[in-house]
Amino acid sequence: MLGILTFKTEDNFPNWRFTEDIDMLDEMDRRILRTLQDDGRITNQALAEACHISAAACFDRVKRLRSKGYILGTMAILDPVKLDCALMIFVEVLLDRTTGGLFEEFSRSVMRYPEIMECHMVAGGFDYLIKVRVKDMAAYRAFMGDTLVSLPGVRETRTYAVMEEVKNTIALPV
């Protein structure tokens, strides 16, 4: 059980409150997370050394961070140019109606297409922002004609081809 000492503002007397939820991150947890974001393949021993803690303590902290859902997985970052996915496109999608059923149907449909890297429901002048990766503009034209416009409820799309990727990171500011 973790005890947290707090002070009442009106009389400045200590007040202990106990919680069994150890969901709070301390600076060591944050250091571990930053290091893992830089190198997800780092060994536990190297991670412990980089964070200046024992290997056992490091192992326990990483295990806790995984079980609490702070660490969702580990993956390799691939080069899209070498894998014929050099062209990145962002697409604004406006649906013909905004009903719960259509949102669900649209969401299920985009999951089927590996070219769609990300799909976000947004507030504003359109309903979804989609990130697509394809080989080139001809491949995008085919994708748009065969797939994008046939997604459920699509009324209008606006396409933005990326000319230069200025910043691309999946690292969170921990």
C-alpha atoms as a PDB file:
ATOM      1  CA  MET A   1       0.000   0.000   0.000  1.00  0.00           C
ATOM      2  CA  LEU A   2       1.354   3.407  -0.966  1.00  0.00           C
ATOM      3  CA  GLY A   3       0.903   6.207   1.553  1.00  0.00           C
ATOM      4  CA  ILE A   4       0.888   9.772   0.321  1.00  0.00           C
ATOM      5  CA  LEU A   5       1.393  12.618   2.778  1.00  0.00           C
ATOM      6  CA  THR A   6      -0.757  15.618   1.987  1.00  0.00           C
ATOM      7  CA  PHE A   7      -1.362  18.828   3.906  1.00  0.00           C
ATOM      8  CA  LYS A   8      -4.684  20.453   4.576  1.00  0.00           C
ATOM      9  CA  THR A   9      -4.473  24.076   3.562  1.00  0.00           C
ATOM     10  CA  GLU A  10      -6.688  25.425   6.311  1.00  0.00           C
ATOM     11  CA  ASP A  11      -4.753  24.095   9.338  1.00  0.00           C
ATOM     12  CA  ASN A  12      -1.567  22.674   7.776  1.00  0.00           C
ATOM     13  CA  PHE A  13      -1.985  19.357   9.671  1.00  0.00           C
ATOM     14  CA  PRO A  14      -0.678  16.290   7.887  1.00  0.00           C
ATOM     15  CA  ASN A  15      -3.294  14.041   6.369  1.00  0.00           C
ATOM     16  CA  TRP A  16      -2.315  10.539   5.205  1.00  0.00           C
ATOM     17  CA  ARG A  17      -4.340   9.041   2.479  1.00  0.00           C
ATOM     18  CA  PHE A  18      -3.669   5.530   1.304  1.00  0.00           C
ATOM     19  CA  THR A  19      -4.180   4.118  -2.122  1.00  0.00           C
ATOM     20  CA  GLU A  20      -3.569   0.695  -3.551  1.00  0.00           C
ATOM     21  CA  ASP A  21      -3.407   2.131  -7.046  1.00  0.00           C
ATOM     22  CA  ILE A  22       0.265   2.678  -7.790  1.00  0.00           C
ATOM     23  CA  ASP A  23      -0.513   4.248 -11.151  1.00  0.00           C
ATOM     24  CA  MET A  24       1.660   7.272 -10.504  1.00  0.00           C
ATOM     25  CA  LEU A  25       4.851   7.670 -12.515  1.00  0.00           C
ATOM     26  CA  ASP A  26       7.969   8.855 -10.768  1.00  0.00           C
ATOM     27  CA  GLU A  27      11.054  10.282 -12.454  1.00  0.00           C
ATOM     28  CA  MET A  28      12.693   6.828 -12.669  1.00  0.00           C
ATOM     29  CA  ASP A  29       9.650   5.424 -14.491  1.00  0.00           C
ATOM     30  CA  ARG A  30       9.818   8.353 -16.903  1.00  0.00           C
ATOM     31  CA  ARG A  31      13.547   7.802 -17.450  1.00  0.00           C
ATOM     32  CA  ILE A  32      12.885   4.132 -18.220  1.00  0.00           C
ATOM     33  CA  LEU A  33      10.105   5.045 -20.658  1.00  0.00           C
ATOM     34  CA  ARG A  34      12.265   7.640 -22.438  1.00  0.00           C
ATOM     35  CA  THR A  35      15.105   5.140 -22.786  1.00  0.00           C
ATOM     36  CA  LEU A  36      12.777   2.427 -24.094  1.00  0.00           C
ATOM     37  CA  GLN A  37      11.323   4.858 -26.637  1.00  0.00           C
ATOM     38  CA  ASP A  38      14.838   5.473 -27.940  1.00  0.00           C
ATOM     39  CA  ASP A  39      15.690   1.753 -28.095  1.00  0.00           C
ATOM     40  CA  GLY A  40      12.934  -0.793 -27.584  1.00  0.00           C
ATOM     41  CA  ARG A  41      15.415  -3.650 -28.021  1.00  0.00           C
ATOM     42  CA  ILE A  42      17.701  -2.594 -25.175  1.00  0.00           C
ATOM     43  CA  THR A  43      18.484  -5.386 -22.728  1.00  0.00           C
ATOM     44  CA  ASN A  44      17.277  -5.131 -19.163  1.00  0.00           C
ATOM     45  CA  GLN A  45      20.887  -4.947 -17.966  1.00  0.00           C
ATOM     46  CA  ALA A  46      21.714  -2.070 -20.332  1.00  0.00           C
ATOM     47  CA  LEU A  47      18.473  -0.305 -19.438  1.00  0.00           C
ATOM     48  CA  ALA A  48      19.246  -0.614 -15.737  1.00  0.00           C
ATOM     49  CA  GLU A  49      22.753   0.780 -16.288  1.00  0.00           C
ATOM     50  CA  ALA A  50      21.418   3.664 -18.386  1.00  0.00           C
ATOM     51  CA  CYS A  51      18.918   4.521 -15.636  1.00  0.00           C
ATOM     52  CA  HIS A  52      21.359   3.939 -12.759  1.00  0.00           C
ATOM     53  CA  ILE A  53      19.298   1.287 -10.957  1.00  0.00           C
ATOM     54  CA  SER A  54      19.731  -2.417 -10.295  1.00  0.00           C
ATOM     55  CA  ALA A  55      18.704  -4.915 -12.953  1.00  0.00           C
ATOM     56  CA  ALA A  56      16.113  -6.452 -10.606  1.00  0.00           C
ATOM     57  CA  ALA A  57      14.518  -3.075  -9.830  1.00  0.00           C
ATOM     58  CA  CYS A  58      14.532  -2.207 -13.525  1.00  0.00           C
ATOM     59  CA  PHE A  59      12.892  -5.508 -14.457  1.00  0.00           C
ATOM     60  CA  ASP A  60      10.168  -4.993 -11.846  1.00  0.00           C
ATOM     61  CA  ARG A  61       9.493  -1.439 -13.004  1.00  0.00           C
ATOM     62  CA  VAL A  62       9.252  -2.430 -16.675  1.00  0.00           C
ATOM     63  CA  LYS A  63       6.963  -5.321 -15.751  1.00  0.00           C
ATOM     64  CA  ARG A  64       4.715  -2.915 -13.790  1.00  0.00           C
ATOM     65  CA  LEU A  65       4.734  -0.348 -16.605  1.00  0.00           C
ATOM     66  CA  ARG A  66       3.643  -3.077 -19.038  1.00  0.00           C
ATOM     67  CA  SER A  67       0.929  -4.450 -16.748  1.00  0.00           C
ATOM     68  CA  LYS A  68      -0.457  -0.952 -16.088  1.00  0.00           C
ATOM     69  CA  GLY A  69      -0.634  -0.261 -19.826  1.00  0.00           C
ATOM     70  CA  TYR A  70       2.048   2.421 -20.115  1.00  0.00           C
ATOM     71  CA  ILE A  71       4.025   0.206 -22.491  1.00  0.00           C
ATOM     72  CA  LEU A  72       1.719  -1.068 -25.203  1.00  0.00           C
ATOM     73  CA  GLY A  73       4.226  -3.012 -27.290  1.00  0.00           C
ATOM     74  CA  THR A  74       7.523  -2.982 -29.116  1.00  0.00           C
ATOM     75  CA  MET A  75       7.943  -2.766 -32.874  1.00  0.00           C
ATOM     76  CA  ALA A  76      10.458  -2.213 -35.632  1.00  0.00           C
ATOM     77  CA  ILE A  77      10.223   1.060 -37.549  1.00  0.00           C
ATOM     78  CA  LEU A  78      10.440   0.302 -41.249  1.00  0.00           C
ATOM     79  CA  ASP A  79      11.643   2.497 -44.115  1.00  0.00           C
ATOM     80  CA  PRO A  80       8.603   3.325 -46.289  1.00  0.00           C
ATOM     81  CA  VAL A  81      10.736   4.276 -49.299  1.00  0.00           C
ATOM     82  CA  LYS A  82      12.459   0.872 -49.398  1.00  0.00           C
ATOM     83  CA  LEU A  83       9.081  -0.843 -49.046  1.00  0.00           C
ATOM     84  CA  ASP A  84       7.398   1.044 -51.925  1.00  0.00           C
ATOM     85  CA  CYS A  85       5.251   3.216 -49.671  1.00  0.00           C
ATOM     86  CA  ALA A  86       7.093   6.481 -50.241  1.00  0.00           C
ATOM     87  CA  LEU A  87       4.092   8.736 -50.845  1.00  0.00           C
ATOM     88  CA  MET A  88       2.232   9.925 -47.761  1.00  0.00           C
ATOM     89  CA  ILE A  89      -1.205  11.437 -48.247  1.00  0.00           C
ATOM     90  CA  PHE A  90      -3.563  13.043 -45.751  1.00  0.00           C
ATOM     91  CA  VAL A  91      -7.236  12.946 -46.649  1.00  0.00           C
ATOM     92  CA  GLU A  92     -10.086  14.896 -45.114  1.00  0.00           C
ATOM     93  CA  VAL A  93     -13.273  12.845 -45.276  1.00  0.00           C
ATOM     94  CA  LEU A  94     -16.722  14.365 -44.978  1.00  0.00           C
ATOM     95  CA  LEU A  95     -19.577  11.899 -44.494  1.00  0.00           C
ATOM     96  CA  ASP A  96     -23.028  12.390 -45.979  1.00  0.00           C
ATOM     97  CA  ARG A  97     -24.633  12.021 -42.540  1.00  0.00           C
ATOM     98  CA  THR A  98     -23.386  11.887 -38.973  1.00  0.00           C
ATOM     99  CA  THR A  99     -25.070   9.001 -37.213  1.00  0.00           C
ATOM    100  CA  GLY A 100     -23.628   6.517 -34.758  1.00  0.00           C
ATOM    101  CA  GLY A 101     -24.312   3.614 -37.086  1.00  0.00           C
ATOM    102  CA  LEU A 102     -22.476   5.225 -39.978  1.00  0.00           C
ATOM    103  CA  PHE A 103     -19.505   6.157 -37.787  1.00  0.00           C
ATOM    104  CA  GLU A 104     -19.218   2.530 -36.680  1.00  0.00           C
ATOM    105  CA  GLU A 105     -19.568   1.197 -40.214  1.00  0.00           C
ATOM    106  CA  PHE A 106     -16.970   3.649 -41.546  1.00  0.00           C
ATOM    107  CA  SER A 107     -14.550   2.783 -38.706  1.00  0.00           C
ATOM    108  CA  ARG A 108     -14.886  -0.948 -39.361  1.00  0.00           C
ATOM    109  CA  SER A 109     -14.330  -0.430 -43.078  1.00  0.00           C
ATOM    110  CA  VAL A 110     -11.071   1.534 -42.790  1.00  0.00           C
ATOM    111  CA  MET A 111      -9.578  -1.258 -40.671  1.00  0.00           C
ATOM    112  CA  ARG A 112      -9.540  -3.527 -43.750  1.00  0.00           C
ATOM    113  CA  TYR A 113      -7.091  -1.413 -45.756  1.00  0.00           C
ATOM    114  CA  PRO A 114      -3.378  -1.591 -44.912  1.00  0.00           C
ATOM    115  CA  GLU A 115      -2.730   1.563 -46.961  1.00  0.00           C
ATOM    116  CA  ILE A 116      -4.667   3.503 -44.330  1.00  0.00           C
ATOM    117  CA  MET A 117      -2.048   4.018 -41.628  1.00  0.00           C
ATOM    118  CA  GLU A 118      -4.153   6.213 -39.359  1.00  0.00           C
ATOM    119  CA  CYS A 119      -7.768   7.305 -39.190  1.00  0.00           C
ATOM    120  CA  HIS A 120      -8.961   9.929 -36.713  1.00  0.00           C
ATOM    121  CA  MET A 121     -12.469  11.182 -36.092  1.00  0.00           C
ATOM    122  CA  VAL A 122     -12.108  14.945 -35.712  1.00  0.00           C
ATOM    123  CA  ALA A 123     -14.195  17.947 -34.750  1.00  0.00           C
ATOM    124  CA  GLY A 124     -14.453  20.724 -37.300  1.00  0.00           C
ATOM    125  CA  GLY A 125     -15.294  21.084 -40.953  1.00  0.00           C
ATOM    126  CA  PHE A 126     -14.953  17.383 -41.802  1.00  0.00           C
ATOM    127  CA  ASP A 127     -15.459  14.076 -40.003  1.00  0.00           C
ATOM    128  CA  TYR A 128     -12.246  12.044 -40.401  1.00  0.00           C
ATOM    129  CA  LEU A 129      -8.599  12.677 -41.124  1.00  0.00           C
ATOM    130  CA  ILE A 130      -6.912   9.708 -42.776  1.00  0.00           C
ATOM    131  CA  LYS A 131      -3.195   9.103 -43.317  1.00  0.00           C
ATOM    132  CA  VAL A 132      -2.445   6.911 -46.311  1.00  0.00           C
ATOM    133  CA  ARG A 133       0.863   5.438 -47.528  1.00  0.00           C
ATOM    134  CA  VAL A 134       1.201   4.269 -51.143  1.00  0.00           C
ATOM    135  CA  LYS A 135       3.950   3.843 -53.732  1.00  0.00           C
ATOM    136  CA  ASP A 136       3.248   6.930 -55.840  1.00  0.00           C
ATOM    137  CA  MET A 137       0.509   9.232 -57.115  1.00  0.00           C
ATOM    138  CA  ALA A 138      -0.727   6.624 -59.611  1.00  0.00           C
ATOM    139  CA  ALA A 139      -1.171   4.150 -56.752  1.00  0.00           C
ATOM    140  CA  TYR A 140      -3.015   6.785 -54.744  1.00  0.00           C
ATOM    141  CA  ARG A 141      -5.290   7.558 -57.690  1.00  0.00           C
ATOM    142  CA  ALA A 142      -6.159   3.867 -57.919  1.00  0.00           C
ATOM    143  CA  PHE A 143      -6.689   3.653 -54.157  1.00  0.00           C
ATOM    144  CA  MET A 144      -8.918   6.711 -54.195  1.00  0.00           C
ATOM    145  CA  GLY A 145     -11.014   5.447 -57.100  1.00  0.00           C
ATOM    146  CA  ASP A 146     -11.269   1.845 -55.940  1.00  0.00           C
ATOM    147  CA  THR A 147     -11.376   2.199 -52.177  1.00  0.00           C
ATOM    148  CA  LEU A 148     -11.635   5.631 -50.633  1.00  0.00           C
ATOM    149  CA  VAL A 149     -14.777   6.854 -52.380  1.00  0.00           C
ATOM    150  CA  SER A 150     -16.482   3.491 -51.803  1.00  0.00           C
ATOM    151  CA  LEU A 151     -16.111   3.665 -48.006  1.00  0.00           C
ATOM    152  CA  PRO A 152     -19.526   3.877 -46.271  1.00  0.00           C
ATOM    153  CA  GLY A 153     -21.109   7.316 -46.273  1.00  0.00           C
ATOM    154  CA  VAL A 154     -18.288   9.239 -47.965  1.00  0.00           C
ATOM    155  CA  ARG A 155     -19.689  12.421 -49.469  1.00  0.00           C
ATOM    156  CA  GLU A 156     -16.528  14.397 -50.090  1.00  0.00           C
ATOM    157  CA  THR A 157     -12.760  14.077 -49.741  1.00  0.00           C
ATOM    158  CA  ARG A 158      -9.877  16.526 -49.858  1.00  0.00           C
ATOM    159  CA  THR A 159      -6.416  15.183 -50.550  1.00  0.00           C
ATOM    160  CA  TYR A 160      -3.113  16.624 -49.324  1.00  0.00           C
ATOM    161  CA  ALA A 161       0.040  15.019 -50.696  1.00  0.00           C
ATOM    162  CA  VAL A 162       3.045  15.386 -48.397  1.00  0.00           C
ATOM    163  CA  MET A 163       5.940  17.065 -50.206  1.00  0.00           C
ATOM    164  CA  GLU A 164       8.394  16.900 -47.303  1.00  0.00           C
ATOM    165  CA  GLU A 165       8.216  15.120 -43.980  1.00  0.00           C
ATOM    166  CA  VAL A 166       9.563  17.754 -41.581  1.00  0.00           C
ATOM    167  CA  LYS A 167       9.025  15.797 -38.358  1.00  0.00           C
ATOM    168  CA  ASN A 168       7.840  12.263 -37.832  1.00  0.00           C
ATOM    169  CA  THR A 169       7.996  10.709 -34.391  1.00  0.00           C
ATOM    170  CA  ILE A 170       6.024   8.258 -32.357  1.00  0.00           C
ATOM    171  CA  ALA A 171       7.945   9.121 -29.177  1.00  0.00           C
ATOM    172  CA  LEU A 172       5.762  10.741 -26.540  1.00  0.00           C
ATOM    173  CA  PRO A 173       7.080  13.627 -24.434  1.00  0.00           C
ATOM    174  CA  VAL A 174       7.591  11.687 -21.195  1.00  0.00           C
END
